[in-house]
Amino acid sequence: MLPILLLVALAGIQLGIVAYCGEQAGVAARAAARTAAAHAPHPDPQQVGLDAVSGWLQGNTSIDPPSDGGDNSVTVSATVHIPSVLPGVHLFGPVTRRATMPKEDTNP
């Protein structure tokens, strides 16, 4: 019975990690898009997005360069590769989130 309980516990932990990675991808995308939408000079949006992610996920996170939405907005995508609880067993692919922010008005 103990191996089954251990397997259920590990599955629950893995699902929690998947949900957390999805949330962190959204945070990174929003932070990068918010920075890219600000007036220049502003910091590198990709670095700001990486800085918004938890330290243990920064190495598993990639942020695409901002793209101009054309309608006075900026869109950024962030991808987090989900770490596995069991080494060598990768059941889930990466999580990608996209955020769009309106550009700040140039007239105060």
N, C-alpha and C. Protein backbone atom coordinates (compact mmCIF):
# COMPACT_ATOMS: atom_id res chain seq x y z
N MET A 1 0.82 -1.19 0.00
CA MET A 1 0.00 0.00 0.00
C MET A 1 0.87 1.27 0.00
N LEU A 2 2.02 1.22 0.64
CA LEU A 2 2.89 2.38 0.72
C LEU A 2 3.37 2.86 -0.65
N PRO A 3 3.77 1.98 -1.58
CA PRO A 3 4.17 2.47 -2.90
C PRO A 3 3.06 3.20 -3.64
N ILE A 4 1.83 2.76 -3.45
CA ILE A 4 0.71 3.43 -4.12
C ILE A 4 0.50 4.83 -3.53
N LEU A 5 0.59 4.93 -2.21
CA LEU A 5 0.45 6.24 -1.57
C LEU A 5 1.58 7.18 -1.97
N LEU A 6 2.78 6.64 -2.08
CA LEU A 6 3.92 7.45 -2.51
C LEU A 6 3.72 7.94 -3.94
N LEU A 7 3.23 7.08 -4.81
CA LEU A 7 2.97 7.46 -6.20
C LEU A 7 1.90 8.54 -6.29
N VAL A 8 0.84 8.41 -5.50
CA VAL A 8 -0.22 9.42 -5.48
C VAL A 8 0.32 10.75 -4.96
N ALA A 9 1.16 10.71 -3.93
CA ALA A 9 1.74 11.94 -3.39
C ALA A 9 2.64 12.62 -4.42
N LEU A 10 3.46 11.84 -5.10
CA LEU A 10 4.33 12.42 -6.13
C LEU A 10 3.52 13.00 -7.29
N ALA A 11 2.43 12.34 -7.66
CA ALA A 11 1.57 12.86 -8.73
C ALA A 11 0.95 14.19 -8.30
N GLY A 12 0.53 14.29 -7.04
CA GLY A 12 -0.03 15.54 -6.55
C GLY A 12 1.00 16.66 -6.54
N ILE A 13 2.21 16.34 -6.11
CA ILE A 13 3.29 17.35 -6.13
C ILE A 13 3.58 17.79 -7.55
N GLN A 14 3.63 16.85 -8.49
CA GLN A 14 3.92 17.19 -9.89
C GLN A 14 2.83 18.08 -10.46
N LEU A 15 1.57 17.79 -10.17
CA LEU A 15 0.49 18.64 -10.67
C LEU A 15 0.56 20.04 -10.07
N GLY A 16 0.97 20.14 -8.81
CA GLY A 16 1.17 21.45 -8.20
C GLY A 16 2.28 22.22 -8.89
N ILE A 17 3.35 21.55 -9.25
CA ILE A 17 4.45 22.19 -9.97
C ILE A 17 3.98 22.66 -11.35
N VAL A 18 3.17 21.86 -12.02
CA VAL A 18 2.64 22.25 -13.33
C VAL A 18 1.81 23.53 -13.21
N ALA A 19 0.93 23.59 -12.21
CA ALA A 19 0.10 24.78 -12.02
C ALA A 19 0.95 25.99 -11.68
N TYR A 20 1.95 25.81 -10.84
CA TYR A 20 2.83 26.90 -10.44
C TYR A 20 3.62 27.42 -11.65
N CYS A 21 4.09 26.53 -12.50
CA CYS A 21 4.83 26.94 -13.70
C CYS A 21 3.95 27.75 -14.65
N GLY A 22 2.68 27.35 -14.77
CA GLY A 22 1.75 28.12 -15.59
C GLY A 22 1.53 29.51 -15.05
N GLU A 23 1.42 29.62 -13.73
CA GLU A 23 1.25 30.93 -13.10
C GLU A 23 2.50 31.79 -13.29
N GLN A 24 3.68 31.19 -13.14
CA GLN A 24 4.93 31.93 -13.30
C GLN A 24 5.13 32.38 -14.74
N ALA A 25 4.70 31.57 -15.71
CA ALA A 25 4.80 31.98 -17.11
C ALA A 25 3.93 33.22 -17.37
N GLY A 26 2.74 33.26 -16.77
CA GLY A 26 1.88 34.42 -16.91
C GLY A 26 2.47 35.66 -16.27
N VAL A 27 3.07 35.50 -15.09
CA VAL A 27 3.72 36.62 -14.41
C VAL A 27 4.86 37.18 -15.26
N ALA A 28 5.68 36.29 -15.81
CA ALA A 28 6.81 36.72 -16.64
C ALA A 28 6.34 37.45 -17.89
N ALA A 29 5.31 36.92 -18.55
CA ALA A 29 4.80 37.55 -19.76
C ALA A 29 4.22 38.94 -19.46
N ARG A 30 3.46 39.06 -18.38
CA ARG A 30 2.88 40.36 -18.03
C ARG A 30 3.95 41.37 -17.67
N ALA A 31 4.94 40.97 -16.89
CA ALA A 31 6.01 41.90 -16.50
C ALA A 31 6.79 42.37 -17.72
N ALA A 32 7.11 41.46 -18.62
CA ALA A 32 7.86 41.84 -19.82
C ALA A 32 7.02 42.74 -20.73
N ALA A 33 5.74 42.43 -20.89
CA ALA A 33 4.87 43.25 -21.74
C ALA A 33 4.67 44.63 -21.14
N ARG A 34 4.51 44.70 -19.83
CA ARG A 34 4.34 46.00 -19.17
C ARG A 34 5.57 46.87 -19.37
N THR A 35 6.75 46.25 -19.27
CA THR A 35 8.00 47.00 -19.44
C THR A 35 8.17 47.45 -20.88
N ALA A 36 7.85 46.56 -21.82
CA ALA A 36 7.99 46.91 -23.24
C ALA A 36 7.01 48.00 -23.67
N ALA A 37 5.88 48.10 -22.98
CA ALA A 37 4.88 49.11 -23.33
C ALA A 37 5.19 50.48 -22.75
N ALA A 38 6.14 50.56 -21.83
CA ALA A 38 6.48 51.83 -21.19
C ALA A 38 7.30 52.70 -22.13
N HIS A 39 7.33 54.01 -21.82
CA HIS A 39 8.15 54.94 -22.60
C HIS A 39 9.62 54.57 -22.49
N ALA A 40 10.36 54.83 -23.54
CA ALA A 40 11.81 54.63 -23.50
C ALA A 40 12.42 55.77 -22.68
N PRO A 41 13.49 55.66 -22.03
CA PRO A 41 14.28 54.43 -21.91
C PRO A 41 13.69 53.53 -20.82
N HIS A 42 13.69 52.28 -21.10
CA HIS A 42 13.22 51.30 -20.12
C HIS A 42 14.17 50.11 -20.12
N PRO A 43 14.14 49.33 -19.05
CA PRO A 43 15.03 48.16 -18.99
C PRO A 43 14.66 47.13 -20.06
N ASP A 44 15.52 46.16 -20.23
CA ASP A 44 15.28 45.08 -21.18
C ASP A 44 14.05 44.29 -20.73
N PRO A 45 12.99 44.24 -21.55
CA PRO A 45 11.77 43.54 -21.15
C PRO A 45 12.00 42.05 -20.87
N GLN A 46 12.88 41.43 -21.64
CA GLN A 46 13.13 40.01 -21.42
C GLN A 46 13.78 39.77 -20.06
N GLN A 47 14.70 40.62 -19.67
CA GLN A 47 15.34 40.47 -18.37
C GLN A 47 14.36 40.76 -17.23
N VAL A 48 13.50 41.74 -17.42
CA VAL A 48 12.48 42.05 -16.40
C VAL A 48 11.56 40.84 -16.23
N GLY A 49 11.16 40.21 -17.33
CA GLY A 49 10.32 39.01 -17.25
C GLY A 49 11.01 37.88 -16.51
N LEU A 50 12.29 37.68 -16.79
CA LEU A 50 13.04 36.64 -16.09
C LEU A 50 13.17 36.95 -14.60
N ASP A 51 13.37 38.23 -14.28
CA ASP A 51 13.50 38.62 -12.88
C ASP A 51 12.19 38.44 -12.11
N ALA A 52 11.05 38.42 -12.82
CA ALA A 52 9.76 38.27 -12.16
C ALA A 52 9.46 36.81 -11.79
N VAL A 53 10.24 35.88 -12.35
CA VAL A 53 10.02 34.45 -12.11
C VAL A 53 10.80 34.02 -10.88
N SER A 54 10.29 33.03 -10.17
CA SER A 54 11.01 32.46 -9.02
C SER A 54 12.40 32.01 -9.44
N GLY A 55 13.36 32.16 -8.53
CA GLY A 55 14.75 31.86 -8.84
C GLY A 55 14.99 30.45 -9.35
N TRP A 56 14.31 29.45 -8.80
CA TRP A 56 14.54 28.07 -9.21
C TRP A 56 13.96 27.75 -10.58
N LEU A 57 13.14 28.66 -11.15
CA LEU A 57 12.59 28.45 -12.49
C LEU A 57 13.25 29.32 -13.55
N GLN A 58 14.11 30.24 -13.16
CA GLN A 58 14.70 31.17 -14.14
C GLN A 58 15.49 30.44 -15.22
N GLY A 59 16.17 29.37 -14.87
CA GLY A 59 16.93 28.62 -15.87
C GLY A 59 16.05 27.85 -16.83
N ASN A 60 14.78 27.62 -16.45
CA ASN A 60 13.84 26.89 -17.29
C ASN A 60 12.89 27.82 -18.05
N THR A 61 13.15 29.12 -17.99
CA THR A 61 12.23 30.10 -18.57
C THR A 61 12.87 30.80 -19.76
N SER A 62 12.09 30.96 -20.82
CA SER A 62 12.53 31.75 -21.97
C SER A 62 11.42 32.74 -22.32
N ILE A 63 11.84 33.94 -22.71
CA ILE A 63 10.89 35.00 -23.04
C ILE A 63 11.20 35.49 -24.44
N ASP A 64 10.17 35.46 -25.29
CA ASP A 64 10.34 35.93 -26.66
C ASP A 64 10.45 37.45 -26.69
N PRO A 65 11.15 37.98 -27.68
CA PRO A 65 11.21 39.44 -27.81
C PRO A 65 9.80 40.02 -28.01
N PRO A 66 9.57 41.21 -27.50
CA PRO A 66 8.26 41.83 -27.66
C PRO A 66 7.92 42.05 -29.13
N SER A 67 6.66 41.86 -29.46
CA SER A 67 6.21 42.13 -30.83
C SER A 67 5.15 43.22 -30.78
N ASP A 68 5.21 44.10 -31.77
CA ASP A 68 4.27 45.22 -31.85
C ASP A 68 2.93 44.67 -32.31
N GLY A 69 1.89 44.95 -31.52
CA GLY A 69 0.55 44.47 -31.83
C GLY A 69 -0.09 45.21 -32.98
N GLY A 70 0.47 46.34 -33.40
CA GLY A 70 -0.08 47.09 -34.51
C GLY A 70 -1.17 48.05 -34.09
N ASP A 71 -1.92 47.74 -33.06
CA ASP A 71 -3.01 48.60 -32.61
C ASP A 71 -2.61 49.32 -31.32
N ASN A 72 -1.36 49.79 -31.29
CA ASN A 72 -0.82 50.53 -30.15
C ASN A 72 -0.69 49.64 -28.91
N SER A 73 -0.29 48.38 -29.15
CA SER A 73 -0.09 47.45 -28.03
C SER A 73 1.17 46.63 -28.27
N VAL A 74 1.61 45.96 -27.22
CA VAL A 74 2.81 45.12 -27.26
C VAL A 74 2.43 43.75 -26.73
N THR A 75 2.90 42.69 -27.40
CA THR A 75 2.63 41.32 -26.98
C THR A 75 3.94 40.60 -26.69
N VAL A 76 3.97 39.87 -25.59
CA VAL A 76 5.15 39.10 -25.19
C VAL A 76 4.71 37.69 -24.80
N SER A 77 5.48 36.69 -25.22
CA SER A 77 5.22 35.30 -24.83
C SER A 77 6.34 34.81 -23.92
N ALA A 78 5.96 34.07 -22.88
CA ALA A 78 6.93 33.47 -21.96
C ALA A 78 6.67 31.97 -21.90
N THR A 79 7.74 31.19 -21.91
CA THR A 79 7.64 29.74 -21.86
C THR A 79 8.44 29.23 -20.67
N VAL A 80 7.82 28.37 -19.87
CA VAL A 80 8.49 27.75 -18.73
C VAL A 80 8.49 26.24 -18.97
N HIS A 81 9.68 25.64 -18.95
CA HIS A 81 9.80 24.20 -19.07
C HIS A 81 9.59 23.60 -17.69
N ILE A 82 8.66 22.67 -17.59
CA ILE A 82 8.24 22.13 -16.30
C ILE A 82 9.26 21.10 -15.80
N PRO A 83 9.84 21.35 -14.62
CA PRO A 83 10.74 20.35 -14.06
C PRO A 83 9.95 19.14 -13.55
N SER A 84 10.59 17.99 -13.54
CA SER A 84 9.94 16.76 -13.14
C SER A 84 10.34 16.38 -11.72
N VAL A 85 9.40 15.80 -10.99
CA VAL A 85 9.67 15.30 -9.65
C VAL A 85 10.58 14.08 -9.72
N LEU A 86 10.36 13.25 -10.73
CA LEU A 86 11.18 12.06 -10.94
C LEU A 86 12.19 12.33 -12.05
N PRO A 87 13.47 12.25 -11.75
CA PRO A 87 14.49 12.52 -12.78
C PRO A 87 14.33 11.56 -13.97
N GLY A 88 14.41 12.12 -15.16
CA GLY A 88 14.32 11.33 -16.38
C GLY A 88 12.92 11.06 -16.86
N VAL A 89 11.90 11.41 -16.08
CA VAL A 89 10.50 11.19 -16.47
C VAL A 89 9.87 12.55 -16.71
N HIS A 90 9.60 12.87 -17.97
CA HIS A 90 9.01 14.17 -18.33
C HIS A 90 7.66 13.90 -18.98
N LEU A 91 6.61 14.06 -18.20
CA LEU A 91 5.26 13.79 -18.69
C LEU A 91 4.59 15.03 -19.27
N PHE A 92 5.09 16.20 -18.91
CA PHE A 92 4.45 17.44 -19.33
C PHE A 92 5.40 18.26 -20.18
N GLY A 93 4.86 18.86 -21.22
CA GLY A 93 5.65 19.75 -22.06
C GLY A 93 5.74 21.13 -21.44
N PRO A 94 6.37 22.06 -22.11
CA PRO A 94 6.49 23.42 -21.56
C PRO A 94 5.14 24.14 -21.55
N VAL A 95 5.05 25.12 -20.67
CA VAL A 95 3.85 25.95 -20.55
C VAL A 95 4.17 27.32 -21.15
N THR A 96 3.32 27.81 -22.03
CA THR A 96 3.51 29.11 -22.65
C THR A 96 2.32 30.01 -22.34
N ARG A 97 2.62 31.22 -21.95
CA ARG A 97 1.58 32.23 -21.72
C ARG A 97 1.94 33.48 -22.51
N ARG A 98 0.92 34.20 -22.94
CA ARG A 98 1.12 35.41 -23.72
C ARG A 98 0.37 36.55 -23.04
N ALA A 99 0.99 37.73 -23.05
CA ALA A 99 0.36 38.91 -22.45
C ALA A 99 0.45 40.07 -23.43
N THR A 100 -0.61 40.85 -23.51
CA THR A 100 -0.65 42.04 -24.36
C THR A 100 -0.96 43.23 -23.48
N MET A 101 -0.15 44.28 -23.62
CA MET A 101 -0.35 45.51 -22.86
C MET A 101 -0.43 46.69 -23.83
N PRO A 102 -1.29 47.66 -23.54
CA PRO A 102 -1.34 48.86 -24.38
C PRO A 102 -0.10 49.72 -24.15
N LYS A 103 0.37 50.33 -25.23
CA LYS A 103 1.52 51.23 -25.09
C LYS A 103 1.07 52.48 -24.36
N GLU A 104 2.00 53.02 -23.56
CA GLU A 104 1.70 54.26 -22.84
C GLU A 104 1.56 55.40 -23.81
N ASP A 105 0.69 56.33 -23.49
CA ASP A 105 0.52 57.52 -24.32
C ASP A 105 1.79 58.34 -24.29
N THR A 106 2.13 58.92 -25.43
CA THR A 106 3.33 59.75 -25.49
C THR A 106 3.05 61.16 -25.00
N ASN A 107 1.77 61.55 -24.92
CA ASN A 107 1.39 62.88 -24.44
C ASN A 107 0.92 62.76 -22.99
N PRO A 108 1.59 63.45 -22.06
CA PRO A 108 1.16 63.38 -20.65
C PRO A 108 -0.13 64.10 -20.40
